[in-house]
Amino acid sequence: LKPEDTAVYYCYTGTSTDDYWGQGTQ
C-alpha cells in the first residue's frame, strides 16, 4: 500500500436498471 491509496473504498454492484453502493470504508 502507498499513501496515494488513501481513500474511501466503496463496494458496488448493479443490474441493467439499478445501482447498489455500500456506505464506504476508509
mmCIF file of all heavy atoms, coordinates in Angstrom:
data_MODEL
# 
_entry.id   MODEL 
# 
loop_
_atom_site.group_PDB 
_atom_site.id 
_atom_site.type_symbol 
_atom_site.label_atom_id 
_atom_site.label_alt_id 
_atom_site.label_comp_id 
_atom_site.label_asym_id 
_atom_site.label_entity_id 
_atom_site.label_seq_id 
_atom_site.pdbx_PDB_ins_code 
_atom_site.Cartn_x 
_atom_site.Cartn_y 
_atom_site.Cartn_z 
_atom_site.occupancy 
_atom_site.B_iso_or_equiv 
_atom_site.pdbx_formal_charge 
_atom_site.auth_seq_id 
_atom_site.auth_comp_id 
_atom_site.auth_asym_id 
_atom_site.auth_atom_id 
_atom_site.pdbx_PDB_model_num 
ATOM 1   N N   . LEU A 1 1  ? 0.819   -1.211 0.000   1.00 0.00 ? 1  LEU A N   1 
ATOM 2   C CA  . LEU A 1 1  ? 0.000   0.000  0.000   1.00 0.00 ? 1  LEU A CA  1 
ATOM 3   C C   . LEU A 1 1  ? 0.850   1.256  0.000   1.00 0.00 ? 1  LEU A C   1 
ATOM 4   O O   . LEU A 1 1  ? 1.924   1.307  0.614   1.00 0.00 ? 1  LEU A O   1 
ATOM 5   C CB  . LEU A 1 1  ? -0.941  -0.010 1.195   1.00 0.00 ? 1  LEU A CB  1 
ATOM 6   C CG  . LEU A 1 1  ? -2.166  -0.911 1.009   1.00 0.00 ? 1  LEU A CG  1 
ATOM 7   C CD1 . LEU A 1 1  ? -2.817  -1.250 2.349   1.00 0.00 ? 1  LEU A CD1 1 
ATOM 8   C CD2 . LEU A 1 1  ? -3.174  -0.248 0.086   1.00 0.00 ? 1  LEU A CD2 1 
ATOM 9   N N   . LYS A 1 2  ? 0.349   2.267  -0.698  1.00 0.00 ? 2  LYS A N   1 
ATOM 10  C CA  . LYS A 1 2  ? 1.035   3.540  -0.839  1.00 0.00 ? 2  LYS A CA  1 
ATOM 11  C C   . LYS A 1 2  ? 0.144   4.655  -0.266  1.00 0.00 ? 2  LYS A C   1 
ATOM 12  O O   . LYS A 1 2  ? -1.084  4.500  -0.223  1.00 0.00 ? 2  LYS A O   1 
ATOM 13  C CB  . LYS A 1 2  ? 1.298   3.828  -2.315  1.00 0.00 ? 2  LYS A CB  1 
ATOM 14  C CG  . LYS A 1 2  ? 2.051   2.735  -3.041  1.00 0.00 ? 2  LYS A CG  1 
ATOM 15  C CD  . LYS A 1 2  ? 2.150   3.049  -4.532  1.00 0.00 ? 2  LYS A CD  1 
ATOM 16  C CE  . LYS A 1 2  ? 2.875   1.941  -5.286  1.00 0.00 ? 2  LYS A CE  1 
ATOM 17  N NZ  . LYS A 1 2  ? 2.970   2.231  -6.739  1.00 0.00 ? 2  LYS A NZ  1 
ATOM 18  N N   . PRO A 1 3  ? 0.728   5.781  0.102   1.00 0.00 ? 3  PRO A N   1 
ATOM 19  C CA  . PRO A 1 3  ? -0.083  6.891  0.593   1.00 0.00 ? 3  PRO A CA  1 
ATOM 20  C C   . PRO A 1 3  ? -1.175  7.316  -0.402  1.00 0.00 ? 3  PRO A C   1 
ATOM 21  O O   . PRO A 1 3  ? -2.270  7.708  0.015   1.00 0.00 ? 3  PRO A O   1 
ATOM 22  C CB  . PRO A 1 3  ? 0.941   8.005  0.808   1.00 0.00 ? 3  PRO A CB  1 
ATOM 23  C CG  . PRO A 1 3  ? 2.199   7.272  1.141   1.00 0.00 ? 3  PRO A CG  1 
ATOM 24  C CD  . PRO A 1 3  ? 2.163   6.038  0.267   1.00 0.00 ? 3  PRO A CD  1 
ATOM 25  N N   . GLU A 1 4  ? -0.883  7.201  -1.682  1.00 0.00 ? 4  GLU A N   1 
ATOM 26  C CA  . GLU A 1 4  ? -1.881  7.584  -2.686  1.00 0.00 ? 4  GLU A CA  1 
ATOM 27  C C   . GLU A 1 4  ? -3.041  6.604  -2.789  1.00 0.00 ? 4  GLU A C   1 
ATOM 28  O O   . GLU A 1 4  ? -4.005  6.862  -3.518  1.00 0.00 ? 4  GLU A O   1 
ATOM 29  C CB  . GLU A 1 4  ? -1.224  7.759  -4.064  1.00 0.00 ? 4  GLU A CB  1 
ATOM 30  C CG  . GLU A 1 4  ? -0.361  6.598  -4.516  1.00 0.00 ? 4  GLU A CG  1 
ATOM 31  C CD  . GLU A 1 4  ? 1.110   6.809  -4.208  1.00 0.00 ? 4  GLU A CD  1 
ATOM 32  O OE1 . GLU A 1 4  ? 1.444   7.305  -3.087  1.00 0.00 ? 4  GLU A OE1 1 
ATOM 33  O OE2 . GLU A 1 4  ? 1.947   6.483  -5.088  1.00 0.00 ? 4  GLU A OE2 1 
ATOM 34  N N   . ASP A 1 5  ? -2.995  5.489  -2.073  1.00 0.00 ? 5  ASP A N   1 
ATOM 35  C CA  . ASP A 1 5  ? -4.135  4.582  -1.997  1.00 0.00 ? 5  ASP A CA  1 
ATOM 36  C C   . ASP A 1 5  ? -5.150  5.036  -0.955  1.00 0.00 ? 5  ASP A C   1 
ATOM 37  O O   . ASP A 1 5  ? -6.230  4.450  -0.845  1.00 0.00 ? 5  ASP A O   1 
ATOM 38  C CB  . ASP A 1 5  ? -3.673  3.163  -1.647  1.00 0.00 ? 5  ASP A CB  1 
ATOM 39  C CG  . ASP A 1 5  ? -2.827  2.531  -2.724  1.00 0.00 ? 5  ASP A CG  1 
ATOM 40  O OD1 . ASP A 1 5  ? -3.177  2.673  -3.918  1.00 0.00 ? 5  ASP A OD1 1 
ATOM 41  O OD2 . ASP A 1 5  ? -1.812  1.891  -2.393  1.00 0.00 ? 5  ASP A OD2 1 
ATOM 42  N N   . THR A 1 6  ? -4.808  6.061  -0.196  1.00 0.00 ? 6  THR A N   1 
ATOM 43  C CA  . THR A 1 6  ? -5.719  6.584  0.813   1.00 0.00 ? 6  THR A CA  1 
ATOM 44  C C   . THR A 1 6  ? -6.999  7.100  0.156   1.00 0.00 ? 6  THR A C   1 
ATOM 45  O O   . THR A 1 6  ? -6.957  7.919  -0.759  1.00 0.00 ? 6  THR A O   1 
ATOM 46  C CB  . THR A 1 6  ? -5.047  7.724  1.595   1.00 0.00 ? 6  THR A CB  1 
ATOM 47  O OG1 . THR A 1 6  ? -3.940  7.189  2.334   1.00 0.00 ? 6  THR A OG1 1 
ATOM 48  C CG2 . THR A 1 6  ? -6.034  8.370  2.566   1.00 0.00 ? 6  THR A CG2 1 
ATOM 49  N N   . ALA A 1 7  ? -8.128  6.587  0.618   1.00 0.00 ? 7  ALA A N   1 
ATOM 50  C CA  . ALA A 1 7  ? -9.426  6.944  0.043   1.00 0.00 ? 7  ALA A CA  1 
ATOM 51  C C   . ALA A 1 7  ? -10.528 6.236  0.820   1.00 0.00 ? 7  ALA A C   1 
ATOM 52  O O   . ALA A 1 7  ? -10.259 5.361  1.652   1.00 0.00 ? 7  ALA A O   1 
ATOM 53  C CB  . ALA A 1 7  ? -9.499  6.526  -1.423  1.00 0.00 ? 7  ALA A CB  1 
ATOM 54  N N   . VAL A 1 8  ? -11.752 6.616  0.524   1.00 0.00 ? 8  VAL A N   1 
ATOM 55  C CA  . VAL A 1 8  ? -12.896 5.826  0.956   1.00 0.00 ? 8  VAL A CA  1 
ATOM 56  C C   . VAL A 1 8  ? -13.160 4.796  -0.136  1.00 0.00 ? 8  VAL A C   1 
ATOM 57  O O   . VAL A 1 8  ? -13.275 5.148  -1.316  1.00 0.00 ? 8  VAL A O   1 
ATOM 58  C CB  . VAL A 1 8  ? -14.143 6.698  1.190   1.00 0.00 ? 8  VAL A CB  1 
ATOM 59  C CG1 . VAL A 1 8  ? -15.328 5.821  1.581   1.00 0.00 ? 8  VAL A CG1 1 
ATOM 60  C CG2 . VAL A 1 8  ? -13.868 7.740  2.269   1.00 0.00 ? 8  VAL A CG2 1 
ATOM 61  N N   . TYR A 1 9  ? -13.239 3.550  0.262   1.00 0.00 ? 9  TYR A N   1 
ATOM 62  C CA  . TYR A 1 9  ? -13.442 2.459  -0.689  1.00 0.00 ? 9  TYR A CA  1 
ATOM 63  C C   . TYR A 1 9  ? -14.908 2.008  -0.623  1.00 0.00 ? 9  TYR A C   1 
ATOM 64  O O   . TYR A 1 9  ? -15.451 1.761  0.456   1.00 0.00 ? 9  TYR A O   1 
ATOM 65  C CB  . TYR A 1 9  ? -12.513 1.298  -0.359  1.00 0.00 ? 9  TYR A CB  1 
ATOM 66  C CG  . TYR A 1 9  ? -11.091 1.555  -0.793  1.00 0.00 ? 9  TYR A CG  1 
ATOM 67  C CD1 . TYR A 1 9  ? -10.305 2.502  -0.149  1.00 0.00 ? 9  TYR A CD1 1 
ATOM 68  C CD2 . TYR A 1 9  ? -10.533 0.866  -1.868  1.00 0.00 ? 9  TYR A CD2 1 
ATOM 69  C CE1 . TYR A 1 9  ? -9.020  2.774  -0.563  1.00 0.00 ? 9  TYR A CE1 1 
ATOM 70  C CE2 . TYR A 1 9  ? -9.236  1.122  -2.282  1.00 0.00 ? 9  TYR A CE2 1 
ATOM 71  C CZ  . TYR A 1 9  ? -8.492  2.075  -1.632  1.00 0.00 ? 9  TYR A CZ  1 
ATOM 72  O OH  . TYR A 1 9  ? -7.202  2.331  -2.050  1.00 0.00 ? 9  TYR A OH  1 
ATOM 73  N N   . TYR A 1 10 ? -15.503 1.909  -1.807  1.00 0.00 ? 10 TYR A N   1 
ATOM 74  C CA  . TYR A 1 10 ? -16.910 1.550  -1.920  1.00 0.00 ? 10 TYR A CA  1 
ATOM 75  C C   . TYR A 1 10 ? -17.073 0.239  -2.686  1.00 0.00 ? 10 TYR A C   1 
ATOM 76  O O   . TYR A 1 10 ? -16.429 0.025  -3.713  1.00 0.00 ? 10 TYR A O   1 
ATOM 77  C CB  . TYR A 1 10 ? -17.682 2.630  -2.671  1.00 0.00 ? 10 TYR A CB  1 
ATOM 78  C CG  . TYR A 1 10 ? -17.730 3.965  -1.977  1.00 0.00 ? 10 TYR A CG  1 
ATOM 79  C CD1 . TYR A 1 10 ? -16.758 4.926  -2.226  1.00 0.00 ? 10 TYR A CD1 1 
ATOM 80  C CD2 . TYR A 1 10 ? -18.747 4.268  -1.077  1.00 0.00 ? 10 TYR A CD2 1 
ATOM 81  C CE1 . TYR A 1 10 ? -16.792 6.170  -1.601  1.00 0.00 ? 10 TYR A CE1 1 
ATOM 82  C CE2 . TYR A 1 10 ? -18.791 5.509  -0.443  1.00 0.00 ? 10 TYR A CE2 1 
ATOM 83  C CZ  . TYR A 1 10 ? -17.816 6.449  -0.710  1.00 0.00 ? 10 TYR A CZ  1 
ATOM 84  O OH  . TYR A 1 10 ? -17.860 7.663  -0.091  1.00 0.00 ? 10 TYR A OH  1 
ATOM 85  N N   . CYS A 1 11 ? -17.965 -0.570 -2.199  1.00 0.00 ? 11 CYS A N   1 
ATOM 86  C CA  . CYS A 1 11 ? -18.359 -1.783 -2.905  1.00 0.00 ? 11 CYS A CA  1 
ATOM 87  C C   . CYS A 1 11 ? -19.564 -1.454 -3.790  1.00 0.00 ? 11 CYS A C   1 
ATOM 88  O O   . CYS A 1 11 ? -20.455 -0.682 -3.387  1.00 0.00 ? 11 CYS A O   1 
ATOM 89  C CB  . CYS A 1 11 ? -18.720 -2.859 -1.890  1.00 0.00 ? 11 CYS A CB  1 
ATOM 90  S SG  . CYS A 1 11 ? -19.121 -4.462 -2.599  1.00 0.00 ? 11 CYS A SG  1 
ATOM 91  N N   . TYR A 1 12 ? -19.576 -2.035 -4.975  1.00 0.00 ? 12 TYR A N   1 
ATOM 92  C CA  . TYR A 1 12 ? -20.642 -1.726 -5.940  1.00 0.00 ? 12 TYR A CA  1 
ATOM 93  C C   . TYR A 1 12 ? -21.112 -2.993 -6.641  1.00 0.00 ? 12 TYR A C   1 
ATOM 94  O O   . TYR A 1 12 ? -20.330 -3.892 -6.956  1.00 0.00 ? 12 TYR A O   1 
ATOM 95  C CB  . TYR A 1 12 ? -20.135 -0.740 -6.987  1.00 0.00 ? 12 TYR A CB  1 
ATOM 96  C CG  . TYR A 1 12 ? -21.046 -0.641 -8.185  1.00 0.00 ? 12 TYR A CG  1 
ATOM 97  C CD1 . TYR A 1 12 ? -22.132 0.215  -8.168  1.00 0.00 ? 12 TYR A CD1 1 
ATOM 98  C CD2 . TYR A 1 12 ? -20.827 -1.429 -9.320  1.00 0.00 ? 12 TYR A CD2 1 
ATOM 99  C CE1 . TYR A 1 12 ? -22.994 0.289  -9.253  1.00 0.00 ? 12 TYR A CE1 1 
ATOM 100 C CE2 . TYR A 1 12 ? -21.677 -1.358 -10.406 1.00 0.00 ? 12 TYR A CE2 1 
ATOM 101 C CZ  . TYR A 1 12 ? -22.761 -0.500 -10.366 1.00 0.00 ? 12 TYR A CZ  1 
ATOM 102 O OH  . TYR A 1 12 ? -23.619 -0.434 -11.431 1.00 0.00 ? 12 TYR A OH  1 
ATOM 103 N N   . THR A 1 13 ? -22.414 -3.031 -6.886  1.00 0.00 ? 13 THR A N   1 
ATOM 104 C CA  . THR A 1 13 ? -22.980 -3.991 -7.805  1.00 0.00 ? 13 THR A CA  1 
ATOM 105 C C   . THR A 1 13 ? -24.175 -3.343 -8.474  1.00 0.00 ? 13 THR A C   1 
ATOM 106 O O   . THR A 1 13 ? -24.679 -2.305 -8.010  1.00 0.00 ? 13 THR A O   1 
ATOM 107 C CB  . THR A 1 13 ? -23.377 -5.304 -7.105  1.00 0.00 ? 13 THR A CB  1 
ATOM 108 O OG1 . THR A 1 13 ? -23.761 -6.259 -8.103  1.00 0.00 ? 13 THR A OG1 1 
ATOM 109 C CG2 . THR A 1 13 ? -24.545 -5.092 -6.141  1.00 0.00 ? 13 THR A CG2 1 
ATOM 110 N N   . GLY A 1 14 ? -24.610 -3.913 -9.563  1.00 0.00 ? 14 GLY A N   1 
ATOM 111 C CA  . GLY A 1 14 ? -25.711 -3.281 -10.269 1.00 0.00 ? 14 GLY A CA  1 
ATOM 112 C C   . GLY A 1 14 ? -26.335 -4.193 -11.301 1.00 0.00 ? 14 GLY A C   1 
ATOM 113 O O   . GLY A 1 14 ? -25.717 -5.147 -11.761 1.00 0.00 ? 14 GLY A O   1 
ATOM 114 N N   . THR A 1 15 ? -27.571 -3.878 -11.632 1.00 0.00 ? 15 THR A N   1 
ATOM 115 C CA  . THR A 1 15 ? -28.273 -4.571 -12.690 1.00 0.00 ? 15 THR A CA  1 
ATOM 116 C C   . THR A 1 15 ? -28.375 -3.630 -13.888 1.00 0.00 ? 15 THR A C   1 
ATOM 117 O O   . THR A 1 15 ? -27.796 -2.547 -13.880 1.00 0.00 ? 15 THR A O   1 
ATOM 118 C CB  . THR A 1 15 ? -29.667 -4.971 -12.218 1.00 0.00 ? 15 THR A CB  1 
ATOM 119 O OG1 . THR A 1 15 ? -30.459 -3.775 -12.060 1.00 0.00 ? 15 THR A OG1 1 
ATOM 120 C CG2 . THR A 1 15 ? -29.609 -5.692 -10.887 1.00 0.00 ? 15 THR A CG2 1 
ATOM 121 N N   . SER A 1 16 ? -29.145 -4.010 -14.876 1.00 0.00 ? 16 SER A N   1 
ATOM 122 C CA  . SER A 1 16 ? -29.331 -3.148 -16.044 1.00 0.00 ? 16 SER A CA  1 
ATOM 123 C C   . SER A 1 16 ? -30.118 -1.893 -15.705 1.00 0.00 ? 16 SER A C   1 
ATOM 124 O O   . SER A 1 16 ? -30.084 -0.912 -16.453 1.00 0.00 ? 16 SER A O   1 
ATOM 125 C CB  . SER A 1 16 ? -30.037 -3.919 -17.147 1.00 0.00 ? 16 SER A CB  1 
ATOM 126 O OG  . SER A 1 16 ? -31.289 -4.402 -16.676 1.00 0.00 ? 16 SER A OG  1 
ATOM 127 N N   . THR A 1 17 ? -30.793 -1.896 -14.567 1.00 0.00 ? 17 THR A N   1 
ATOM 128 C CA  . THR A 1 17 ? -31.627 -0.749 -14.222 1.00 0.00 ? 17 THR A CA  1 
ATOM 129 C C   . THR A 1 17 ? -31.271 -0.096 -12.897 1.00 0.00 ? 17 THR A C   1 
ATOM 130 O O   . THR A 1 17 ? -31.695 1.038  -12.638 1.00 0.00 ? 17 THR A O   1 
ATOM 131 C CB  . THR A 1 17 ? -33.108 -1.166 -14.157 1.00 0.00 ? 17 THR A CB  1 
ATOM 132 O OG1 . THR A 1 17 ? -33.252 -2.237 -13.211 1.00 0.00 ? 17 THR A OG1 1 
ATOM 133 C CG2 . THR A 1 17 ? -33.602 -1.625 -15.520 1.00 0.00 ? 17 THR A CG2 1 
ATOM 134 N N   . ASP A 1 18 ? -30.545 -0.752 -12.041 1.00 0.00 ? 18 ASP A N   1 
ATOM 135 C CA  . ASP A 1 18 ? -30.289 -0.225 -10.699 1.00 0.00 ? 18 ASP A CA  1 
ATOM 136 C C   . ASP A 1 18 ? -28.829 -0.363 -10.303 1.00 0.00 ? 18 ASP A C   1 
ATOM 137 O O   . ASP A 1 18 ? -28.171 -1.339 -10.670 1.00 0.00 ? 18 ASP A O   1 
ATOM 138 C CB  . ASP A 1 18 ? -31.154 -0.952 -9.659  1.00 0.00 ? 18 ASP A CB  1 
ATOM 139 C CG  . ASP A 1 18 ? -32.630 -0.752 -9.898  1.00 0.00 ? 18 ASP A CG  1 
ATOM 140 O OD1 . ASP A 1 18 ? -33.108 0.394  -9.751  1.00 0.00 ? 18 ASP A OD1 1 
ATOM 141 O OD2 . ASP A 1 18 ? -33.312 -1.736 -10.263 1.00 0.00 ? 18 ASP A OD2 1 
ATOM 142 N N   . ASP A 1 19 ? -28.358 0.614  -9.537  1.00 0.00 ? 19 ASP A N   1 
ATOM 143 C CA  . ASP A 1 19 ? -27.016 0.592  -8.963  1.00 0.00 ? 19 ASP A CA  1 
ATOM 144 C C   . ASP A 1 19 ? -27.134 0.462  -7.444  1.00 0.00 ? 19 ASP A C   1 
ATOM 145 O O   . ASP A 1 19 ? -28.006 1.067  -6.828  1.00 0.00 ? 19 ASP A O   1 
ATOM 146 C CB  . ASP A 1 19 ? -26.266 1.890  -9.275  1.00 0.00 ? 19 ASP A CB  1 
ATOM 147 C CG  . ASP A 1 19 ? -26.010 2.062  -10.746 1.00 0.00 ? 19 ASP A CG  1 
ATOM 148 O OD1 . ASP A 1 19 ? -25.756 1.052  -11.424 1.00 0.00 ? 19 ASP A OD1 1 
ATOM 149 O OD2 . ASP A 1 19 ? -26.058 3.204  -11.229 1.00 0.00 ? 19 ASP A OD2 1 
ATOM 150 N N   . TYR A 1 20 ? -26.200 -0.306 -6.867  1.00 0.00 ? 20 TYR A N   1 
ATOM 151 C CA  . TYR A 1 20 ? -26.200 -0.506 -5.422  1.00 0.00 ? 20 TYR A CA  1 
ATOM 152 C C   . TYR A 1 20 ? -24.795 -0.254 -4.888  1.00 0.00 ? 20 TYR A C   1 
ATOM 153 O O   . TYR A 1 20 ? -23.830 -0.864 -5.351  1.00 0.00 ? 20 TYR A O   1 
ATOM 154 C CB  . TYR A 1 20 ? -26.649 -1.922 -5.070  1.00 0.00 ? 20 TYR A CB  1 
ATOM 155 C CG  . TYR A 1 20 ? -28.027 -2.262 -5.587  1.00 0.00 ? 20 TYR A CG  1 
ATOM 156 C CD1 . TYR A 1 20 ? -28.188 -2.990 -6.758  1.00 0.00 ? 20 TYR A CD1 1 
ATOM 157 C CD2 . TYR A 1 20 ? -29.162 -1.833 -4.913  1.00 0.00 ? 20 TYR A CD2 1 
ATOM 158 C CE1 . TYR A 1 20 ? -29.442 -3.302 -7.247  1.00 0.00 ? 20 TYR A CE1 1 
ATOM 159 C CE2 . TYR A 1 20 ? -30.433 -2.131 -5.395  1.00 0.00 ? 20 TYR A CE2 1 
ATOM 160 C CZ  . TYR A 1 20 ? -30.565 -2.860 -6.559  1.00 0.00 ? 20 TYR A CZ  1 
ATOM 161 O OH  . TYR A 1 20 ? -31.818 -3.157 -7.043  1.00 0.00 ? 20 TYR A OH  1 
ATOM 162 N N   . TRP A 1 21 ? -24.719 0.653  -3.931  1.00 0.00 ? 21 TRP A N   1 
ATOM 163 C CA  . TRP A 1 21 ? -23.442 1.026  -3.328  1.00 0.00 ? 21 TRP A CA  1 
ATOM 164 C C   . TRP A 1 21 ? -23.466 0.740  -1.831  1.00 0.00 ? 21 TRP A C   1 
ATOM 165 O O   . TRP A 1 21 ? -24.483 0.910  -1.165  1.00 0.00 ? 21 TRP A O   1 
ATOM 166 C CB  . TRP A 1 21 ? -23.196 2.522  -3.519  1.00 0.00 ? 21 TRP A CB  1 
ATOM 167 C CG  . TRP A 1 21 ? -22.998 2.943  -4.928  1.00 0.00 ? 21 TRP A CG  1 
ATOM 168 C CD1 . TRP A 1 21 ? -23.951 3.385  -5.800  1.00 0.00 ? 21 TRP A CD1 1 
ATOM 169 C CD2 . TRP A 1 21 ? -21.770 3.001  -5.645  1.00 0.00 ? 21 TRP A CD2 1 
ATOM 170 N NE1 . TRP A 1 21 ? -23.386 3.695  -7.009  1.00 0.00 ? 21 TRP A NE1 1 
ATOM 171 C CE2 . TRP A 1 21 ? -22.039 3.473  -6.939  1.00 0.00 ? 21 TRP A CE2 1 
ATOM 172 C CE3 . TRP A 1 21 ? -20.436 2.688  -5.312  1.00 0.00 ? 21 TRP A CE3 1 
ATOM 173 C CZ2 . TRP A 1 21 ? -21.046 3.640  -7.904  1.00 0.00 ? 21 TRP A CZ2 1 
ATOM 174 C CZ3 . TRP A 1 21 ? -19.456 2.862  -6.270  1.00 0.00 ? 21 TRP A CZ3 1 
ATOM 175 C CH2 . TRP A 1 21 ? -19.769 3.331  -7.548  1.00 0.00 ? 21 TRP A CH2 1 
ATOM 176 N N   . GLY A 1 22 ? -22.310 0.357  -1.319  1.00 0.00 ? 22 GLY A N   1 
ATOM 177 C CA  . GLY A 1 22 ? -22.153 0.276  0.116   1.00 0.00 ? 22 GLY A CA  1 
ATOM 178 C C   . GLY A 1 22 ? -21.927 1.659  0.700   1.00 0.00 ? 22 GLY A C   1 
ATOM 179 O O   . GLY A 1 22 ? -21.839 2.650  -0.030  1.00 0.00 ? 22 GLY A O   1 
ATOM 180 N N   . GLN A 1 23 ? -21.803 1.713  2.011   1.00 0.00 ? 23 GLN A N   1 
ATOM 181 C CA  . GLN A 1 23 ? -21.653 3.000  2.692   1.00 0.00 ? 23 GLN A CA  1 
ATOM 182 C C   . GLN A 1 23 ? -20.210 3.511  2.637   1.00 0.00 ? 23 GLN A C   1 
ATOM 183 O O   . GLN A 1 23 ? -19.964 4.685  2.926   1.00 0.00 ? 23 GLN A O   1 
ATOM 184 C CB  . GLN A 1 23 ? -22.110 2.880  4.153   1.00 0.00 ? 23 GLN A CB  1 
ATOM 185 C CG  . GLN A 1 23 ? -21.101 2.232  5.093   1.00 0.00 ? 23 GLN A CG  1 
ATOM 186 C CD  . GLN A 1 23 ? -20.996 0.727  4.940   1.00 0.00 ? 23 GLN A CD  1 
ATOM 187 O OE1 . GLN A 1 23 ? -21.724 0.105  4.157   1.00 0.00 ? 23 GLN A OE1 1 
ATOM 188 N NE2 . GLN A 1 23 ? -20.093 0.117  5.702   1.00 0.00 ? 23 GLN A NE2 1 
ATOM 189 N N   . GLY A 1 24 ? -19.290 2.664  2.266   1.00 0.00 ? 24 GLY A N   1 
ATOM 190 C CA  . GLY A 1 24 ? -17.885 3.060  2.167   1.00 0.00 ? 24 GLY A CA  1 
ATOM 191 C C   . GLY A 1 24 ? -17.103 2.733  3.421   1.00 0.00 ? 24 GLY A C   1 
ATOM 192 O O   . GLY A 1 24 ? -17.650 2.729  4.532   1.00 0.00 ? 24 GLY A O   1 
ATOM 193 N N   . THR A 1 25 ? -15.813 2.456  3.235   1.00 0.00 ? 25 THR A N   1 
ATOM 194 C CA  . THR A 1 25 ? -14.923 2.200  4.358   1.00 0.00 ? 25 THR A CA  1 
ATOM 195 C C   . THR A 1 25 ? -13.609 2.951  4.101   1.00 0.00 ? 25 THR A C   1 
ATOM 196 O O   . THR A 1 25 ? -13.075 2.926  2.996   1.00 0.00 ? 25 THR A O   1 
ATOM 197 C CB  . THR A 1 25 ? -14.690 0.697  4.569   1.00 0.00 ? 25 THR A CB  1 
ATOM 198 O OG1 . THR A 1 25 ? -13.910 0.487  5.739   1.00 0.00 ? 25 THR A OG1 1 
ATOM 199 C CG2 . THR A 1 25 ? -13.993 0.040  3.377   1.00 0.00 ? 25 THR A CG2 1 
ATOM 200 N N   . GLN A 1 26 ? -13.134 3.637  5.115   1.00 0.00 ? 26 GLN A N   1 
ATOM 201 C CA  . GLN A 1 26 ? -11.950 4.475  4.975   1.00 0.00 ? 26 GLN A CA  1 
ATOM 202 C C   . GLN A 1 26 ? -10.678 3.645  5.054   1.00 0.00 ? 26 GLN A C   1 
ATOM 203 O O   . GLN A 1 26 ? -10.506 2.830  5.970   1.00 0.00 ? 26 GLN A O   1 
ATOM 204 C CB  . GLN A 1 26 ? -11.925 5.543  6.073   1.00 0.00 ? 26 GLN A CB  1 
ATOM 205 C CG  . GLN A 1 26 ? -10.694 6.431  6.068   1.00 0.00 ? 26 GLN A CG  1 
ATOM 206 C CD  . GLN A 1 26 ? -10.657 7.387  4.896   1.00 0.00 ? 26 GLN A CD  1 
ATOM 207 O OE1 . GLN A 1 26 ? -11.660 8.038  4.577   1.00 0.00 ? 26 GLN A OE1 1 
ATOM 208 N NE2 . GLN A 1 26 ? -9.510  7.492  4.235   1.00 0.00 ? 26 GLN A NE2 1 
# 
